[in-house]
Amino acid sequence: MHRLKIKGITNRWLLNSFGVTVLIIIFVLIFASFSVRQYYYSGIEQTISGRSNELVNIYGANTTSREFLLAATDYVENFPDKDLMELMVFDSNGNVVITSTGFESDTSQTMPDYEDAIANKKSYSKWLGKLKTKENIIAVTRVIYNKSGVNVGAIRYLVSLQPADRQIFLNISFIFLAVLAILFMIIWSGAYFIRSIINPAKRLTETAHYIAQGDFNTKIEKEYDDEIGDLCDAVNNMASELGAAEKMKNDFISSVSHELRTPLTAIKGWAETMQLSEGNPDSYTMNKGMSVIIKETERLSGIVEELLDFSRIQSGRMVLIMEKIDILAELDEAVYMLNERAVSEEKHIIFNEPDIVSPVIGDKNRLKQVFVNIIDNALKYSKAGGIINVIVTEEEGSIIIVISDNGLGIDKDDLPRVKEKFFKANTTIRGSGIGLAISDEIVRLHNGSLSIDSEKDVGTTVTIIIPTAKEDPSNRKDD
């Protein structure tokens, strides 16, 4: 069977909450109507029953039929509630001998209460029914027995239920009106509540549609300080974040395009120069051109490899070749690779290399890539005459590498985001904006940490912590 699908919050509310509420109200109304009717009818019955007990209390068990009839006649003539109920006195043969109305009893009317009381030897019986005139009545018959158990007579009380029915109708009408008022309030409050959800939800849908189309400047107005308001804030924040991410992506594409264009332009320019040289180019031109081509090709290869690394990290496909390595050797090689560039840019790299540190478990090429990225950034953001310090220490099972510079520094507002992908604190400096993100991920994959501390126009300090290799107890040799 296919499950019934109900679309729309309003429809679900009508079916669930409102529908259940209506059913409860109907049940309460029926129960209240029954209770009111029972209350009035029971009150009338108790009043009649109390009156009928008067005869039993007045006339003892020694009463004869004649004495009962005389006493009952006197009782009926002096009965104070003739206006409220009708009395009928029966002799021992079941004949009506007197009524409180003074008229003869209509013998065609059924009297089930009297018949039931006599037939079953009961002293008391009640009947709730209708007369031939369609009038609702309640009748109670009390049979009097003497000491010997002989029926000496009976008295019947008959009360019209029309006044009670009118009162019951008024009370039920009042309850019905009160229920309608409550139902109206529920509908009104429910509709207001539903509107407070539906309207923002519609605006959220429209806003999400605009965001999906690339309009990240659209915002939804927050009306309520509740979960809906929190959702509006979340959508607005999402739009802002997506807008920022879109801007970073565009900046990244622009930056990478520039980074790729620069070496390609140099390669193309020198290739054309060498091609246009008359005959064979001289050795200086050849050597100079080939040197630039090789250098720019390596630079181009580095950019492409960086993009591939970023793609591997994003898809979780980066694989590390983990082995026990001397981390100082990789750091020393990274410093050596960039030292010539530092000299050409009139900058200085000072490497305070310790004699020895414990080995680490890592991928030597990836760790060297991290060191090259960090030192390269330090060089890029340092002016001529700048100093880059590289310090290595070992503490509590970790190798701590601190690379600091006295360059441009990073603004405190940008510092928390420098390790985010595509983010560049200074767009005037070349670079793709993913080098730090890649370096941070590589260090994390080595169970280490990479932290950055910087101050604008003072300098930047990058701290890399890599855990040392744990000694395998099975390889220990006791003296």
Protein backbone atom coordinates (compact mmCIF):
# COMPACT_ATOMS: atom_id res chain seq x y z
CA MET A 1 0.00 0.00 0.00
CA HIS A 2 1.17 3.51 -0.79
CA ARG A 3 1.52 5.75 2.20
CA LEU A 4 -0.67 8.84 2.03
CA LYS A 5 1.52 11.89 1.53
CA ILE A 6 0.22 15.12 2.99
CA LYS A 7 1.98 18.18 1.68
CA GLY A 8 2.20 21.40 3.60
CA ILE A 9 2.65 22.20 7.27
CA THR A 10 -0.87 23.63 7.45
CA ASN A 11 -2.44 20.41 6.17
CA ARG A 12 -0.41 18.30 8.58
CA TRP A 13 -1.42 20.59 11.45
CA LEU A 14 -5.08 20.36 10.47
CA LEU A 15 -4.90 16.58 10.27
CA ASN A 16 -2.81 16.00 13.37
CA SER A 17 -3.00 18.67 16.07
CA PHE A 18 -6.25 20.36 15.07
CA GLY A 19 -7.98 17.09 14.17
CA VAL A 20 -7.05 15.48 17.48
CA THR A 21 -8.13 18.63 19.33
CA VAL A 22 -11.54 18.57 17.63
CA LEU A 23 -12.01 14.90 18.54
CA ILE A 24 -11.09 15.61 22.16
CA ILE A 25 -13.48 18.55 22.30
CA ILE A 26 -16.30 16.46 20.82
CA PHE A 27 -15.62 13.76 23.41
CA VAL A 28 -15.57 16.33 26.22
CA LEU A 29 -18.81 17.87 24.94
CA ILE A 30 -20.55 14.48 24.85
CA PHE A 31 -19.24 13.57 28.27
CA ALA A 32 -20.25 16.96 29.71
CA SER A 33 -23.75 16.64 28.21
CA PHE A 34 -24.17 13.18 29.69
CA SER A 35 -22.82 14.34 33.06
CA VAL A 36 -25.17 17.37 33.21
CA ARG A 37 -28.17 15.23 32.30
CA GLN A 38 -27.17 12.60 34.84
CA TYR A 39 -26.67 15.27 37.49
CA TYR A 40 -30.16 16.73 37.09
CA TYR A 41 -31.94 13.39 36.72
CA SER A 42 -30.09 11.91 39.69
CA GLY A 43 -31.01 14.94 41.79
CA ILE A 44 -34.67 14.55 40.94
CA GLU A 45 -34.57 10.83 41.68
CA GLN A 46 -32.88 11.39 45.03
CA THR A 47 -35.51 13.98 45.96
CA ILE A 48 -38.34 11.60 45.08
CA SER A 49 -36.64 8.73 46.88
CA GLY A 50 -36.27 10.86 49.98
CA ARG A 51 -39.95 11.75 49.86
CA SER A 52 -40.99 8.11 49.42
CA ASN A 53 -39.00 7.10 52.47
CA GLU A 54 -41.15 9.42 54.55
CA LEU A 55 -44.06 6.99 54.45
CA VAL A 56 -41.93 4.10 55.60
CA ASN A 57 -40.58 6.15 58.49
CA ILE A 58 -44.03 7.44 59.48
CA TYR A 59 -45.93 4.16 59.19
CA GLY A 60 -44.33 1.21 60.86
CA ALA A 61 -44.54 -2.43 60.04
CA ASN A 62 -47.89 -2.80 61.90
CA THR A 63 -49.80 -0.76 59.30
CA THR A 64 -52.98 -2.29 57.87
CA SER A 65 -54.34 -1.57 54.44
CA ARG A 66 -57.07 0.69 55.83
CA GLU A 67 -54.67 2.60 58.06
CA PHE A 68 -52.29 3.08 55.16
CA LEU A 69 -55.01 4.43 52.87
CA LEU A 70 -56.21 6.88 55.51
CA ALA A 71 -52.68 8.03 56.27
CA ALA A 72 -51.72 8.20 52.61
CA THR A 73 -54.81 10.28 51.82
CA ASP A 74 -53.87 12.74 54.55
CA TYR A 75 -50.24 12.71 53.31
CA VAL A 76 -51.30 13.54 49.74
CA GLU A 77 -53.71 16.30 50.77
CA ASN A 78 -51.03 18.00 52.85
CA PHE A 79 -48.11 17.28 50.51
CA PRO A 80 -46.13 20.56 50.17
CA ASP A 81 -44.61 19.88 46.71
CA LYS A 82 -47.78 19.31 44.69
CA ASP A 83 -46.61 21.89 42.18
CA LEU A 84 -43.39 19.96 41.56
CA MET A 85 -44.60 16.38 41.42
CA GLU A 86 -47.78 14.30 41.15
CA LEU A 87 -48.67 11.65 43.77
CA MET A 88 -50.76 8.55 43.20
CA VAL A 89 -51.88 6.23 46.02
CA PHE A 90 -52.62 2.57 45.28
CA ASP A 91 -54.51 0.14 47.45
CA SER A 92 -53.34 -3.42 47.95
CA ASN A 93 -55.22 -4.48 44.80
CA GLY A 94 -53.37 -2.01 42.59
CA ASN A 95 -56.25 0.44 42.21
CA VAL A 96 -55.51 4.17 42.24
CA VAL A 97 -57.57 5.54 45.10
CA ILE A 98 -56.34 9.14 45.16
CA THR A 99 -54.10 11.54 43.23
CA SER A 100 -52.58 14.84 44.18
CA THR A 101 -54.17 16.47 41.14
CA GLY A 102 -57.68 15.56 42.27
CA PHE A 103 -58.46 13.98 38.91
CA GLU A 104 -58.90 10.34 38.16
CA SER A 105 -55.79 8.59 36.98
CA ASP A 106 -55.50 7.74 33.30
CA THR A 107 -55.51 3.96 33.48
CA SER A 108 -54.37 3.71 29.85
CA GLN A 109 -50.96 5.09 30.78
CA THR A 110 -48.33 2.43 31.39
CA MET A 111 -46.74 2.30 34.82
CA PRO A 112 -43.70 0.02 34.51
CA ASP A 113 -42.26 1.16 37.83
CA TYR A 114 -45.36 0.04 39.76
CA GLU A 115 -45.61 -3.23 37.85
CA ASP A 116 -41.91 -3.92 38.42
CA ALA A 117 -42.11 -3.16 42.14
CA ILE A 118 -45.15 -5.45 42.61
CA ALA A 119 -44.02 -8.30 40.34
CA ASN A 120 -40.60 -8.65 41.91
CA LYS A 121 -41.66 -7.98 45.48
CA LYS A 122 -39.50 -4.88 45.50
CA SER A 123 -40.26 -2.04 47.83
CA TYR A 124 -38.87 0.49 45.35
CA SER A 125 -38.73 0.90 41.57
CA LYS A 126 -37.94 3.72 39.15
CA TRP A 127 -39.01 4.41 35.57
CA LEU A 128 -37.72 7.01 33.15
CA GLY A 129 -39.89 7.37 30.07
CA LYS A 130 -42.55 9.29 28.15
CA LEU A 131 -46.26 9.75 28.57
CA LYS A 132 -48.62 9.51 25.67
CA THR A 133 -48.34 13.28 25.40
CA LYS A 134 -44.61 12.79 24.63
CA GLU A 135 -43.73 14.43 27.90
CA ASN A 136 -40.57 13.07 29.55
CA ILE A 137 -41.16 11.97 33.12
CA ILE A 138 -39.49 10.14 35.95
CA ALA A 139 -41.72 7.98 38.15
CA VAL A 140 -40.86 6.24 41.42
CA THR A 141 -43.09 3.71 43.18
CA ARG A 142 -42.70 2.81 46.83
CA VAL A 143 -44.62 -0.32 47.97
CA ILE A 144 -45.49 -0.58 51.67
CA TYR A 145 -45.37 -4.00 53.32
CA ASN A 146 -46.55 -4.76 56.87
CA LYS A 147 -44.80 -6.91 59.41
CA SER A 148 -46.15 -10.07 57.80
CA GLY A 149 -44.83 -9.05 54.39
CA VAL A 150 -48.30 -8.28 53.05
CA ASN A 151 -48.71 -5.50 50.53
CA VAL A 152 -50.88 -2.83 52.22
CA GLY A 153 -50.58 -0.30 49.38
CA ALA A 154 -48.23 1.82 47.37
CA ILE A 155 -47.53 5.42 46.51
CA ARG A 156 -46.21 6.67 43.21
CA TYR A 157 -44.34 9.92 42.62
CA LEU A 158 -44.33 11.32 39.09
CA VAL A 159 -42.23 14.32 38.05
CA SER A 160 -42.21 16.03 34.66
CA LEU A 161 -38.69 16.39 33.25
CA GLN A 162 -39.54 19.33 30.99
CA PRO A 163 -38.14 22.00 33.38
CA ALA A 164 -35.05 19.87 33.95
CA ASP A 165 -34.67 19.27 30.21
CA ARG A 166 -34.85 23.02 29.59
CA GLN A 167 -32.18 23.63 32.20
CA ILE A 168 -30.07 20.84 30.79
CA PHE A 169 -30.44 22.33 27.30
CA LEU A 170 -29.35 25.76 28.58
CA ASN A 171 -26.33 24.29 30.36
CA ILE A 172 -25.32 22.19 27.37
CA SER A 173 -25.76 25.22 25.11
CA PHE A 174 -23.49 27.22 27.39
CA ILE A 175 -20.92 24.43 27.35
CA PHE A 176 -21.23 24.20 23.55
CA LEU A 177 -20.68 27.95 23.19
CA ALA A 178 -17.70 27.77 25.54
CA VAL A 179 -16.28 24.90 23.48
CA LEU A 180 -16.81 26.88 20.27
CA ALA A 181 -15.01 29.83 21.84
CA ILE A 182 -12.13 27.57 22.86
CA LEU A 183 -12.06 26.02 19.39
CA PHE A 184 -12.02 29.48 17.82
CA MET A 185 -9.11 30.48 20.05
CA ILE A 186 -7.27 27.28 19.10
CA ILE A 187 -7.87 27.94 15.40
CA TRP A 188 -6.83 31.58 15.71
CA SER A 189 -3.70 30.87 17.75
CA GLY A 190 -2.87 27.87 15.57
CA ALA A 191 -3.27 29.90 12.39
CA TYR A 192 -1.08 32.66 13.84
CA PHE A 193 1.52 30.10 14.83
CA ILE A 194 1.40 28.38 11.44
CA ARG A 195 1.78 31.74 9.69
CA SER A 196 4.81 32.48 11.87
CA ILE A 197 6.36 29.32 10.42
CA ILE A 198 4.96 29.27 6.88
CA ASN A 199 5.81 32.85 5.95
CA PRO A 200 9.47 32.69 7.06
CA ALA A 201 9.72 29.23 5.48
CA LYS A 202 8.53 30.65 2.15
CA ARG A 203 11.03 33.49 2.41
CA LEU A 204 13.73 30.96 3.31
CA THR A 205 12.83 28.94 0.22
CA GLU A 206 13.01 32.04 -1.98
CA THR A 207 16.32 33.08 -0.41
CA ALA A 208 17.76 29.59 -0.87
CA HIS A 209 16.67 29.73 -4.53
CA TYR A 210 18.51 33.02 -5.02
CA ILE A 211 21.59 31.62 -3.26
CA ALA A 212 21.47 28.52 -5.48
CA GLN A 213 21.53 30.86 -8.50
CA GLY A 214 24.66 32.57 -7.17
CA ASP A 215 23.18 35.65 -5.51
CA PHE A 216 25.10 35.52 -2.22
CA ASN A 217 24.22 39.09 -1.25
CA THR A 218 20.56 38.23 -0.64
CA LYS A 219 19.49 38.22 3.00
CA ILE A 220 16.34 37.19 4.84
CA GLU A 221 14.89 39.48 7.49
CA LYS A 222 14.77 37.94 10.97
CA GLU A 223 11.39 38.49 12.66
CA TYR A 224 11.42 36.05 15.60
CA ASP A 225 14.10 35.35 18.16
CA ASP A 226 13.48 31.60 18.17
CA GLU A 227 14.41 28.49 16.18
CA ILE A 228 13.04 30.11 13.00
CA GLY A 229 15.15 33.17 13.74
CA ASP A 230 18.18 30.94 14.28
CA LEU A 231 17.48 29.30 10.93
CA CYS A 232 17.31 32.73 9.27
CA ASP A 233 20.66 33.62 10.85
CA ALA A 234 22.09 30.30 9.65
CA VAL A 235 20.90 30.93 6.07
CA ASN A 236 22.27 34.48 6.13
CA ASN A 237 25.59 33.23 7.50
CA MET A 238 25.62 30.49 4.88
CA ALA A 239 25.09 33.09 2.15
CA SER A 240 27.92 35.20 3.56
CA GLU A 241 30.23 32.19 3.82
CA LEU A 242 29.36 31.05 0.31
CA GLY A 243 29.92 34.57 -0.95
CA ALA A 244 33.30 34.69 0.76
CA ALA A 245 34.15 31.22 -0.58
CA GLU A 246 33.08 32.27 -4.08
CA LYS A 247 35.28 35.36 -3.85
CA MET A 248 38.22 33.29 -2.60
CA LYS A 249 37.65 30.79 -5.41
CA ASN A 250 37.62 33.56 -8.00
CA ASP A 251 40.71 35.13 -6.44
CA PHE A 252 42.33 31.69 -6.44
CA ILE A 253 41.55 31.14 -10.12
CA SER A 254 42.85 34.61 -10.93
CA SER A 255 45.97 34.06 -8.83
CA VAL A 256 46.66 30.60 -10.27
CA SER A 257 46.05 31.91 -13.78
CA HIS A 258 48.63 34.62 -13.12
CA GLU A 259 51.03 32.13 -11.55
CA LEU A 260 50.74 29.85 -14.57
CA ARG A 261 50.90 32.68 -17.10
CA THR A 262 54.15 34.12 -15.72
CA PRO A 263 56.38 31.04 -16.29
CA LEU A 264 54.61 30.25 -19.57
CA THR A 265 55.28 33.77 -20.80
CA ALA A 266 58.95 33.49 -19.84
CA ILE A 267 59.29 30.09 -21.50
CA LYS A 268 57.55 31.28 -24.66
CA GLY A 269 59.58 34.50 -24.78
CA TRP A 270 62.96 32.82 -24.53
CA ALA A 271 61.93 30.06 -26.92
CA GLU A 272 60.95 32.67 -29.51
CA THR A 273 64.18 34.61 -28.88
CA MET A 274 66.27 31.51 -29.47
CA GLN A 275 64.20 30.60 -32.54
CA LEU A 276 64.52 34.06 -34.11
CA SER A 277 68.27 34.27 -33.60
CA GLU A 278 70.00 34.25 -36.99
CA GLY A 279 71.68 30.92 -37.46
CA ASN A 280 72.71 29.27 -34.25
CA PRO A 281 72.30 31.47 -31.17
CA ASP A 282 75.43 32.33 -29.27
CA SER A 283 76.31 30.28 -26.25
CA TYR A 284 75.37 33.08 -23.81
CA THR A 285 71.90 33.41 -25.27
CA MET A 286 71.50 29.66 -25.39
CA ASN A 287 72.64 29.15 -21.82
CA LYS A 288 70.60 32.07 -20.52
CA GLY A 289 67.48 30.95 -22.38
CA MET A 290 67.76 27.33 -21.37
CA SER A 291 68.39 28.33 -17.76
CA VAL A 292 65.22 30.46 -17.69
CA ILE A 293 63.21 27.75 -19.45
CA ILE A 294 64.35 25.07 -17.01
CA LYS A 295 63.78 27.34 -14.00
CA GLU A 296 60.31 28.40 -15.12
CA THR A 297 59.41 24.84 -16.09
CA GLU A 298 60.32 23.70 -12.59
CA ARG A 299 58.27 26.55 -11.19
CA LEU A 300 55.35 25.57 -13.42
CA SER A 301 55.72 21.94 -12.39
CA GLY A 302 55.69 22.99 -8.73
CA ILE A 303 52.43 24.92 -9.19
CA VAL A 304 50.78 21.99 -10.94
CA GLU A 305 52.02 19.58 -8.29
CA GLU A 306 50.66 21.87 -5.58
CA LEU A 307 47.25 21.87 -7.27
CA LEU A 308 47.37 18.08 -7.54
CA ASP A 309 48.26 17.80 -3.86
CA PHE A 310 45.35 20.01 -2.95
CA SER A 311 43.04 17.86 -5.06
CA ARG A 312 44.34 14.71 -3.35
CA ILE A 313 43.79 16.22 0.09
CA GLN A 314 40.25 17.34 -0.79
CA SER A 315 39.33 13.87 -2.04
CA GLY A 316 41.22 12.04 0.74
CA ARG A 317 43.55 10.38 -1.74
CA MET A 318 46.87 11.67 -0.43
CA VAL A 319 49.11 8.72 0.39
CA LEU A 320 52.19 9.10 2.60
CA ILE A 321 55.20 6.81 2.44
CA MET A 322 55.95 6.53 6.14
CA GLU A 323 59.39 5.48 7.30
CA LYS A 324 61.91 6.35 9.99
CA ILE A 325 63.75 9.47 8.81
CA ASP A 326 66.19 12.10 9.97
CA ILE A 327 64.04 15.22 9.94
CA LEU A 328 67.13 17.48 10.17
CA ALA A 329 68.33 16.20 6.80
CA GLU A 330 65.07 17.19 5.11
CA LEU A 331 64.99 20.58 6.80
CA ASP A 332 68.66 21.18 5.88
CA GLU A 333 67.92 20.33 2.25
CA ALA A 334 64.95 22.72 2.20
CA VAL A 335 67.13 25.52 3.59
CA TYR A 336 69.85 24.75 1.05
CA MET A 337 67.34 24.80 -1.82
CA LEU A 338 66.12 28.30 -0.91
CA ASN A 339 69.37 29.81 0.34
CA GLU A 340 70.56 30.84 -3.12
CA ARG A 341 67.26 32.61 -3.75
CA ALA A 342 67.53 34.36 -0.37
CA VAL A 343 71.00 35.64 -1.25
CA SER A 344 69.79 36.88 -4.64
CA GLU A 345 66.96 38.75 -2.91
CA GLU A 346 69.36 40.17 -0.27
CA LYS A 347 67.70 38.19 2.52
CA HIS A 348 69.27 35.90 5.09
CA ILE A 349 68.32 32.43 6.31
CA ILE A 350 69.86 31.53 9.65
CA PHE A 351 69.61 27.82 10.50
CA ASN A 352 70.50 26.95 14.09
CA GLU A 353 70.94 23.24 13.51
CA PRO A 354 71.39 21.02 16.58
CA ASP A 355 73.91 18.19 16.56
CA ILE A 356 71.30 15.45 16.65
CA VAL A 357 67.61 14.86 17.28
CA SER A 358 65.53 11.71 17.53
CA PRO A 359 64.21 10.23 14.28
CA VAL A 360 60.57 10.60 13.28
CA ILE A 361 58.15 8.42 11.35
CA GLY A 362 57.16 10.35 8.27
CA ASP A 363 57.20 10.92 4.54
CA LYS A 364 60.46 12.74 3.88
CA ASN A 365 59.34 14.30 0.61
CA ARG A 366 56.10 15.63 2.11
CA LEU A 367 57.84 17.03 5.19
CA LYS A 368 60.45 18.70 2.98
CA GLN A 369 57.55 20.13 0.97
CA VAL A 370 56.17 21.64 4.19
CA PHE A 371 59.52 23.21 5.10
CA VAL A 372 59.96 24.61 1.58
CA ASN A 373 56.44 26.12 1.67
CA ILE A 374 56.97 27.80 5.03
CA ILE A 375 60.45 29.17 4.22
CA ASP A 376 59.22 30.25 0.77
CA ASN A 377 56.39 32.21 2.41
CA ALA A 378 58.85 33.79 4.83
CA LEU A 379 60.99 34.94 1.91
CA LYS A 380 58.01 36.23 -0.09
CA TYR A 381 56.70 38.33 2.80
CA SER A 382 60.10 39.71 3.85
CA LYS A 383 61.74 42.81 2.44
CA ALA A 384 65.34 43.09 1.36
CA GLY A 385 67.58 42.69 4.36
CA GLY A 386 65.03 40.49 6.11
CA ILE A 387 66.13 37.62 8.32
CA ILE A 388 64.53 34.18 8.47
CA ASN A 389 65.44 32.15 11.56
CA VAL A 390 65.06 28.37 11.62
CA ILE A 391 65.37 26.79 15.08
CA VAL A 392 65.00 23.09 15.95
CA THR A 393 64.52 21.72 19.49
CA GLU A 394 63.36 18.44 21.01
CA GLU A 395 61.01 18.32 23.98
CA GLU A 396 58.97 15.52 25.55
CA GLY A 397 58.93 13.19 22.56
CA SER A 398 58.39 15.88 19.92
CA ILE A 399 60.56 17.72 17.42
CA ILE A 400 59.74 21.44 17.47
CA ILE A 401 60.69 23.46 14.38
CA VAL A 402 60.24 27.23 14.60
CA ILE A 403 60.54 29.30 11.42
CA SER A 404 60.28 33.04 12.02
CA ASP A 405 60.77 36.18 9.96
CA ASN A 406 60.70 39.95 10.45
CA GLY A 407 58.62 40.58 7.38
CA LEU A 408 55.22 42.12 6.66
CA GLY A 409 53.29 40.06 9.22
CA ILE A 410 49.62 39.21 9.15
CA ASP A 411 46.69 41.34 10.32
CA LYS A 412 45.03 39.96 13.47
CA ASP A 413 41.67 39.72 11.67
CA ASP A 414 43.21 37.56 8.92
CA LEU A 415 45.32 35.38 11.20
CA PRO A 416 42.56 32.84 12.09
CA ARG A 417 41.92 32.20 8.38
CA VAL A 418 45.44 31.93 6.93
CA LYS A 419 45.27 28.12 6.88
CA GLU A 420 41.96 28.09 4.99
CA LYS A 421 41.98 27.01 1.37
CA PHE A 422 42.18 29.83 -1.21
CA PHE A 423 42.65 32.48 1.49
CA LYS A 424 45.38 35.08 0.91
CA ALA A 425 46.04 37.73 3.52
CA ASN A 426 48.00 39.82 1.01
CA THR A 427 46.77 39.63 -2.57
CA THR A 428 49.73 41.66 -3.86
CA ILE A 429 52.15 38.79 -3.16
CA ARG A 430 52.31 35.94 -5.66
CA GLY A 431 50.97 32.56 -4.64
CA SER A 432 47.90 30.34 -5.01
CA GLY A 433 46.67 30.59 -1.41
CA ILE A 434 46.63 26.83 -0.84
CA GLY A 435 50.23 26.25 0.27
CA LEU A 436 49.52 26.68 3.98
CA ALA A 437 46.36 24.56 3.75
CA ILE A 438 48.38 21.74 2.17
CA SER A 439 51.20 22.09 4.70
CA ASP A 440 48.78 22.04 7.63
CA GLU A 441 47.11 18.87 6.30
CA ILE A 442 50.47 17.11 5.75
CA VAL A 443 51.55 17.92 9.31
CA ARG A 444 48.19 16.72 10.62
CA LEU A 445 48.64 13.43 8.76
CA HIS A 446 51.94 13.06 10.66
CA ASN A 447 50.00 13.42 13.94
CA GLY A 448 51.62 16.81 14.43
CA SER A 449 50.52 20.42 14.53
CA LEU A 450 51.21 23.63 12.65
CA SER A 451 50.50 26.93 14.39
CA ILE A 452 51.04 30.50 13.23
CA ASP A 453 51.64 33.58 15.33
CA SER A 454 52.01 36.95 13.64
CA GLU A 455 51.87 40.68 14.15
CA LYS A 456 51.35 43.22 11.43
CA ASP A 457 54.63 44.90 10.30
CA VAL A 458 56.57 42.93 12.93
CA GLY A 459 56.82 39.43 11.54
CA THR A 460 55.47 35.90 11.54
CA THR A 461 56.41 32.77 13.49
CA VAL A 462 55.40 29.30 12.30
CA THR A 463 55.76 26.44 14.79
CA ILE A 464 55.73 22.85 13.53
CA ILE A 465 55.57 19.99 16.02
CA ILE A 466 56.21 16.41 14.87
CA PRO A 467 56.21 13.47 17.32
CA THR A 468 59.38 11.40 17.48
CA ALA A 469 59.43 7.73 16.55
CA LYS A 470 58.35 5.47 19.42
CA GLU A 471 60.93 2.90 20.40
CA ASP A 472 59.79 -0.67 19.80
CA PRO A 473 60.30 -2.55 23.11
CA SER A 474 60.99 -5.76 21.16
CA ASN A 475 64.09 -4.14 19.63
CA ARG A 476 65.61 -3.03 22.93
CA LYS A 477 68.84 -4.69 24.06
CA ASP A 478 69.30 -4.85 27.78
CA ASP A 479 72.85 -4.52 29.12
